[in-house]
Amino acid sequence: MGKVEKNSHASSDLCRTTLKDLGVLGFFDIFVLTEDVGYNKTQIEIYEIALSKMNTKYPEKIIHVGDDLRLDAHMAQKVGMTPILFDPLECYASEKIITIREFPDILKYIK
């Protein structure tokens, strides 16, 4: 299985509770939170910190899930991660980015 990261401006407890309720908490190797590192998803540094914490030579094997095409998917791509766009309302149309409508659909892309 590839490593999965979550960077967020939400609290660590809220992230973990939500992911546990969805049944996917066990798939996340690390959390990089704004409250811990001082950067948010508009800043490339938070993605670089996530890669550093994972100590990987293969950033393309890191899955980043986000709900904003520009702030999540494009920023993750800039550092070489594989973005998955959570777009339940189909607000974005992108052929180059994996898009899911329901969060459990991510399981199709985790190896």
N, C-alpha and C. Protein backbone atom coordinates (compact mmCIF):
# COMPACT_ATOMS: atom_id res chain seq x y z
N MET A 1 0.84 -1.17 0.00
CA MET A 1 0.00 0.00 0.00
C MET A 1 0.89 1.24 0.00
N GLY A 2 0.51 2.21 -0.76
CA GLY A 2 1.22 3.48 -0.75
C GLY A 2 0.90 4.28 0.49
N LYS A 3 1.72 5.22 0.76
CA LYS A 3 1.48 6.09 1.91
C LYS A 3 0.43 7.12 1.54
N VAL A 4 -0.34 7.51 2.53
CA VAL A 4 -1.37 8.51 2.34
C VAL A 4 -1.17 9.58 3.39
N GLU A 5 -1.32 10.83 3.00
CA GLU A 5 -1.18 11.91 3.96
C GLU A 5 -2.42 12.78 3.96
N LYS A 6 -2.60 13.48 5.06
CA LYS A 6 -3.70 14.44 5.17
C LYS A 6 -3.11 15.72 5.71
N ASN A 7 -3.21 16.78 4.96
CA ASN A 7 -2.85 18.07 5.52
C ASN A 7 -4.12 18.86 5.63
N SER A 8 -4.23 19.61 6.68
CA SER A 8 -5.52 20.24 6.94
C SER A 8 -5.35 21.43 7.85
N HIS A 9 -6.35 22.29 7.82
CA HIS A 9 -6.42 23.36 8.80
C HIS A 9 -7.43 23.00 9.89
N ALA A 10 -8.03 21.81 9.80
CA ALA A 10 -8.92 21.31 10.85
C ALA A 10 -8.07 20.72 11.97
N SER A 11 -8.65 20.55 13.14
CA SER A 11 -7.90 20.01 14.27
C SER A 11 -7.59 18.54 14.04
N SER A 12 -6.54 18.08 14.71
CA SER A 12 -6.14 16.69 14.61
C SER A 12 -7.27 15.77 15.08
N ASP A 13 -7.91 16.11 16.19
CA ASP A 13 -9.00 15.28 16.70
C ASP A 13 -10.15 15.18 15.72
N LEU A 14 -10.52 16.31 15.11
CA LEU A 14 -11.61 16.30 14.14
C LEU A 14 -11.25 15.45 12.92
N CYS A 15 -10.04 15.59 12.42
CA CYS A 15 -9.59 14.78 11.27
C CYS A 15 -9.66 13.30 11.60
N ARG A 16 -9.09 12.92 12.72
CA ARG A 16 -9.06 11.50 13.09
C ARG A 16 -10.46 10.94 13.33
N THR A 17 -11.31 11.70 13.99
CA THR A 17 -12.68 11.25 14.25
C THR A 17 -13.45 11.07 12.96
N THR A 18 -13.35 12.04 12.05
CA THR A 18 -14.06 11.95 10.78
C THR A 18 -13.58 10.76 9.97
N LEU A 19 -12.26 10.58 9.88
CA LEU A 19 -11.72 9.47 9.10
C LEU A 19 -12.05 8.13 9.74
N LYS A 20 -12.08 8.08 11.07
CA LYS A 20 -12.49 6.85 11.76
C LYS A 20 -13.95 6.53 11.46
N ASP A 21 -14.81 7.55 11.52
CA ASP A 21 -16.23 7.35 11.23
C ASP A 21 -16.46 6.86 9.81
N LEU A 22 -15.60 7.28 8.89
CA LEU A 22 -15.71 6.85 7.49
C LEU A 22 -15.07 5.48 7.25
N GLY A 23 -14.39 4.97 8.27
CA GLY A 23 -13.76 3.66 8.15
C GLY A 23 -12.46 3.64 7.39
N VAL A 24 -11.80 4.79 7.27
CA VAL A 24 -10.57 4.85 6.48
C VAL A 24 -9.35 5.36 7.27
N LEU A 25 -9.49 5.56 8.56
CA LEU A 25 -8.39 6.11 9.36
C LEU A 25 -7.12 5.28 9.24
N GLY A 26 -7.25 3.97 9.20
CA GLY A 26 -6.09 3.08 9.13
C GLY A 26 -5.26 3.21 7.87
N PHE A 27 -5.80 3.88 6.85
CA PHE A 27 -5.06 4.05 5.61
C PHE A 27 -4.13 5.26 5.64
N PHE A 28 -4.20 6.07 6.67
CA PHE A 28 -3.38 7.27 6.74
C PHE A 28 -2.14 7.02 7.58
N ASP A 29 -0.97 7.26 6.97
CA ASP A 29 0.29 7.05 7.66
C ASP A 29 0.69 8.24 8.51
N ILE A 30 0.40 9.44 8.04
CA ILE A 30 0.77 10.64 8.79
C ILE A 30 -0.32 11.70 8.65
N PHE A 31 -0.28 12.64 9.56
CA PHE A 31 -1.10 13.84 9.48
C PHE A 31 -0.16 15.03 9.54
N VAL A 32 -0.36 15.98 8.65
CA VAL A 32 0.39 17.23 8.69
C VAL A 32 -0.67 18.31 8.80
N LEU A 33 -0.73 18.93 9.96
CA LEU A 33 -1.81 19.87 10.26
C LEU A 33 -1.29 21.28 10.39
N THR A 34 -2.06 22.22 9.91
CA THR A 34 -1.70 23.63 10.01
C THR A 34 -1.36 24.00 11.45
N GLU A 35 -2.15 23.52 12.38
CA GLU A 35 -1.93 23.87 13.79
C GLU A 35 -0.57 23.38 14.29
N ASP A 36 -0.01 22.37 13.65
CA ASP A 36 1.28 21.82 14.07
C ASP A 36 2.47 22.44 13.35
N VAL A 37 2.30 22.79 12.06
CA VAL A 37 3.45 23.22 11.26
C VAL A 37 3.43 24.69 10.87
N GLY A 38 2.29 25.36 11.03
CA GLY A 38 2.23 26.79 10.74
C GLY A 38 2.05 27.15 9.27
N TYR A 39 1.84 26.16 8.42
CA TYR A 39 1.57 26.41 7.00
C TYR A 39 0.19 25.84 6.69
N ASN A 40 -0.45 26.36 5.64
CA ASN A 40 -1.74 25.81 5.24
C ASN A 40 -1.68 25.32 3.80
N LYS A 41 -2.82 24.83 3.30
CA LYS A 41 -2.79 24.19 1.99
C LYS A 41 -2.58 25.15 0.82
N THR A 42 -2.52 26.44 1.10
CA THR A 42 -2.19 27.40 0.05
C THR A 42 -0.68 27.57 -0.09
N GLN A 43 0.08 26.93 0.81
CA GLN A 43 1.53 27.09 0.83
C GLN A 43 2.21 25.76 0.51
N ILE A 44 3.13 25.79 -0.41
CA ILE A 44 3.83 24.58 -0.86
C ILE A 44 4.58 23.89 0.27
N GLU A 45 4.98 24.65 1.28
CA GLU A 45 5.76 24.10 2.39
C GLU A 45 5.05 22.96 3.12
N ILE A 46 3.72 23.04 3.25
CA ILE A 46 3.01 21.98 3.97
C ILE A 46 3.10 20.65 3.22
N TYR A 47 3.12 20.71 1.90
CA TYR A 47 3.26 19.50 1.09
C TYR A 47 4.69 18.98 1.17
N GLU A 48 5.65 19.88 1.18
CA GLU A 48 7.05 19.48 1.31
C GLU A 48 7.32 18.84 2.67
N ILE A 49 6.70 19.38 3.72
CA ILE A 49 6.83 18.80 5.06
C ILE A 49 6.26 17.39 5.07
N ALA A 50 5.11 17.20 4.44
CA ALA A 50 4.49 15.87 4.38
C ALA A 50 5.44 14.88 3.70
N LEU A 51 6.01 15.28 2.58
CA LEU A 51 6.95 14.39 1.88
C LEU A 51 8.16 14.08 2.74
N SER A 52 8.68 15.09 3.42
CA SER A 52 9.83 14.89 4.29
C SER A 52 9.51 13.92 5.42
N LYS A 53 8.34 14.06 6.02
CA LYS A 53 7.94 13.16 7.12
C LYS A 53 7.78 11.72 6.64
N MET A 54 7.44 11.56 5.38
CA MET A 54 7.27 10.21 4.85
C MET A 54 8.58 9.59 4.39
N ASN A 55 9.60 10.41 4.26
CA ASN A 55 10.92 9.92 3.90
C ASN A 55 10.87 8.99 2.68
N THR A 56 10.32 9.50 1.61
CA THR A 56 10.15 8.68 0.41
C THR A 56 10.98 9.23 -0.75
N LYS A 57 11.42 8.33 -1.58
CA LYS A 57 12.10 8.71 -2.82
C LYS A 57 11.12 8.73 -3.98
N TYR A 58 9.88 8.34 -3.72
CA TYR A 58 8.87 8.20 -4.76
C TYR A 58 7.61 9.01 -4.42
N PRO A 59 7.67 10.34 -4.55
CA PRO A 59 6.52 11.16 -4.18
C PRO A 59 5.25 10.83 -4.96
N GLU A 60 5.40 10.29 -6.17
CA GLU A 60 4.22 9.94 -6.96
C GLU A 60 3.41 8.81 -6.33
N LYS A 61 3.99 8.10 -5.38
CA LYS A 61 3.26 7.04 -4.68
C LYS A 61 2.49 7.57 -3.46
N ILE A 62 2.65 8.84 -3.19
CA ILE A 62 1.92 9.47 -2.10
C ILE A 62 0.60 10.00 -2.65
N ILE A 63 -0.49 9.61 -2.01
CA ILE A 63 -1.81 10.07 -2.42
C ILE A 63 -2.22 11.24 -1.54
N HIS A 64 -2.61 12.32 -2.18
CA HIS A 64 -3.15 13.47 -1.46
C HIS A 64 -4.61 13.62 -1.86
N VAL A 65 -5.50 13.59 -0.87
CA VAL A 65 -6.93 13.75 -1.13
C VAL A 65 -7.34 15.14 -0.68
N GLY A 66 -8.01 15.86 -1.56
CA GLY A 66 -8.47 17.20 -1.22
C GLY A 66 -9.74 17.54 -1.96
N ASP A 67 -10.36 18.63 -1.54
CA ASP A 67 -11.65 19.01 -2.13
C ASP A 67 -11.58 20.30 -2.94
N ASP A 68 -10.39 20.77 -3.22
CA ASP A 68 -10.24 22.00 -4.00
C ASP A 68 -9.23 21.74 -5.11
N LEU A 69 -9.65 21.94 -6.33
CA LEU A 69 -8.78 21.64 -7.48
C LEU A 69 -7.49 22.43 -7.43
N ARG A 70 -7.58 23.73 -7.20
CA ARG A 70 -6.39 24.57 -7.22
C ARG A 70 -5.54 24.39 -5.97
N LEU A 71 -6.16 24.44 -4.81
CA LEU A 71 -5.40 24.43 -3.56
C LEU A 71 -4.96 23.04 -3.14
N ASP A 72 -5.65 22.03 -3.51
CA ASP A 72 -5.27 20.67 -3.11
C ASP A 72 -4.58 19.94 -4.25
N ALA A 73 -5.32 19.70 -5.32
CA ALA A 73 -4.81 18.86 -6.40
C ALA A 73 -3.58 19.48 -7.08
N HIS A 74 -3.67 20.72 -7.45
CA HIS A 74 -2.54 21.34 -8.16
C HIS A 74 -1.32 21.51 -7.28
N MET A 75 -1.53 21.85 -6.01
CA MET A 75 -0.38 22.00 -5.10
C MET A 75 0.29 20.64 -4.88
N ALA A 76 -0.50 19.59 -4.70
CA ALA A 76 0.07 18.25 -4.53
C ALA A 76 0.86 17.83 -5.76
N GLN A 77 0.33 18.15 -6.94
CA GLN A 77 1.04 17.82 -8.18
C GLN A 77 2.38 18.54 -8.27
N LYS A 78 2.43 19.76 -7.77
CA LYS A 78 3.68 20.54 -7.85
C LYS A 78 4.84 19.86 -7.14
N VAL A 79 4.55 19.09 -6.08
CA VAL A 79 5.62 18.40 -5.36
C VAL A 79 5.72 16.93 -5.77
N GLY A 80 4.94 16.53 -6.77
CA GLY A 80 5.05 15.19 -7.31
C GLY A 80 4.10 14.16 -6.74
N MET A 81 3.21 14.56 -5.82
CA MET A 81 2.23 13.63 -5.26
C MET A 81 1.15 13.30 -6.28
N THR A 82 0.43 12.23 -6.04
CA THR A 82 -0.73 11.86 -6.85
C THR A 82 -1.97 12.42 -6.17
N PRO A 83 -2.62 13.40 -6.80
CA PRO A 83 -3.82 13.97 -6.18
C PRO A 83 -5.08 13.19 -6.50
N ILE A 84 -5.97 13.13 -5.53
CA ILE A 84 -7.32 12.63 -5.75
C ILE A 84 -8.25 13.74 -5.29
N LEU A 85 -9.11 14.16 -6.17
CA LEU A 85 -10.02 15.26 -5.89
C LEU A 85 -11.36 14.71 -5.39
N PHE A 86 -11.73 15.10 -4.17
CA PHE A 86 -13.03 14.75 -3.61
C PHE A 86 -14.02 15.82 -4.06
N ASP A 87 -14.91 15.44 -4.97
CA ASP A 87 -15.81 16.41 -5.60
C ASP A 87 -17.24 15.84 -5.64
N PRO A 88 -17.91 15.77 -4.49
CA PRO A 88 -19.23 15.13 -4.44
C PRO A 88 -20.30 15.86 -5.25
N LEU A 89 -20.13 17.15 -5.46
CA LEU A 89 -21.12 17.92 -6.20
C LEU A 89 -20.73 18.13 -7.67
N GLU A 90 -19.65 17.50 -8.08
CA GLU A 90 -19.14 17.60 -9.45
C GLU A 90 -18.96 19.05 -9.88
N CYS A 91 -18.26 19.81 -9.03
CA CYS A 91 -17.99 21.22 -9.32
C CYS A 91 -16.84 21.39 -10.30
N TYR A 92 -15.95 20.40 -10.35
CA TYR A 92 -14.77 20.50 -11.20
C TYR A 92 -14.82 19.41 -12.27
N ALA A 93 -14.31 19.74 -13.41
CA ALA A 93 -14.16 18.74 -14.48
C ALA A 93 -12.69 18.69 -14.84
N SER A 94 -12.06 17.57 -14.56
CA SER A 94 -10.64 17.45 -14.86
C SER A 94 -10.35 16.03 -15.32
N GLU A 95 -9.82 15.92 -16.51
CA GLU A 95 -9.47 14.61 -17.04
C GLU A 95 -8.12 14.15 -16.53
N LYS A 96 -7.30 15.05 -16.02
CA LYS A 96 -5.95 14.71 -15.62
C LYS A 96 -5.83 14.36 -14.14
N ILE A 97 -6.91 14.51 -13.38
CA ILE A 97 -6.87 14.27 -11.95
C ILE A 97 -7.95 13.26 -11.59
N ILE A 98 -7.58 12.26 -10.81
CA ILE A 98 -8.56 11.29 -10.33
C ILE A 98 -9.58 12.05 -9.48
N THR A 99 -10.86 11.82 -9.76
CA THR A 99 -11.92 12.50 -9.03
C THR A 99 -12.87 11.45 -8.45
N ILE A 100 -13.22 11.65 -7.18
CA ILE A 100 -14.19 10.75 -6.53
C ILE A 100 -15.37 11.57 -6.03
N ARG A 101 -16.53 10.94 -5.98
CA ARG A 101 -17.74 11.62 -5.50
C ARG A 101 -18.07 11.25 -4.07
N GLU A 102 -17.66 10.05 -3.65
CA GLU A 102 -17.89 9.60 -2.28
C GLU A 102 -16.55 9.20 -1.69
N PHE A 103 -16.33 9.58 -0.44
CA PHE A 103 -15.01 9.38 0.14
C PHE A 103 -14.56 7.91 0.13
N PRO A 104 -15.42 6.95 0.43
CA PRO A 104 -14.96 5.55 0.38
C PRO A 104 -14.47 5.10 -0.99
N ASP A 105 -14.79 5.86 -2.05
CA ASP A 105 -14.30 5.52 -3.39
C ASP A 105 -12.78 5.58 -3.47
N ILE A 106 -12.13 6.24 -2.51
CA ILE A 106 -10.68 6.32 -2.50
C ILE A 106 -10.06 4.93 -2.41
N LEU A 107 -10.79 3.99 -1.82
CA LEU A 107 -10.24 2.65 -1.65
C LEU A 107 -9.89 1.99 -2.97
N LYS A 108 -10.51 2.40 -4.05
CA LYS A 108 -10.19 1.85 -5.38
C LYS A 108 -8.78 2.20 -5.82
N TYR A 109 -8.23 3.27 -5.26
CA TYR A 109 -6.94 3.79 -5.72
C TYR A 109 -5.80 3.51 -4.75
N ILE A 110 -6.10 2.91 -3.62
CA ILE A 110 -5.08 2.59 -2.64
C ILE A 110 -4.63 1.16 -2.88
N LYS A 111 -3.34 1.00 -3.05
CA LYS A 111 -2.79 -0.34 -3.33
C LYS A 111 -2.13 -0.91 -2.11
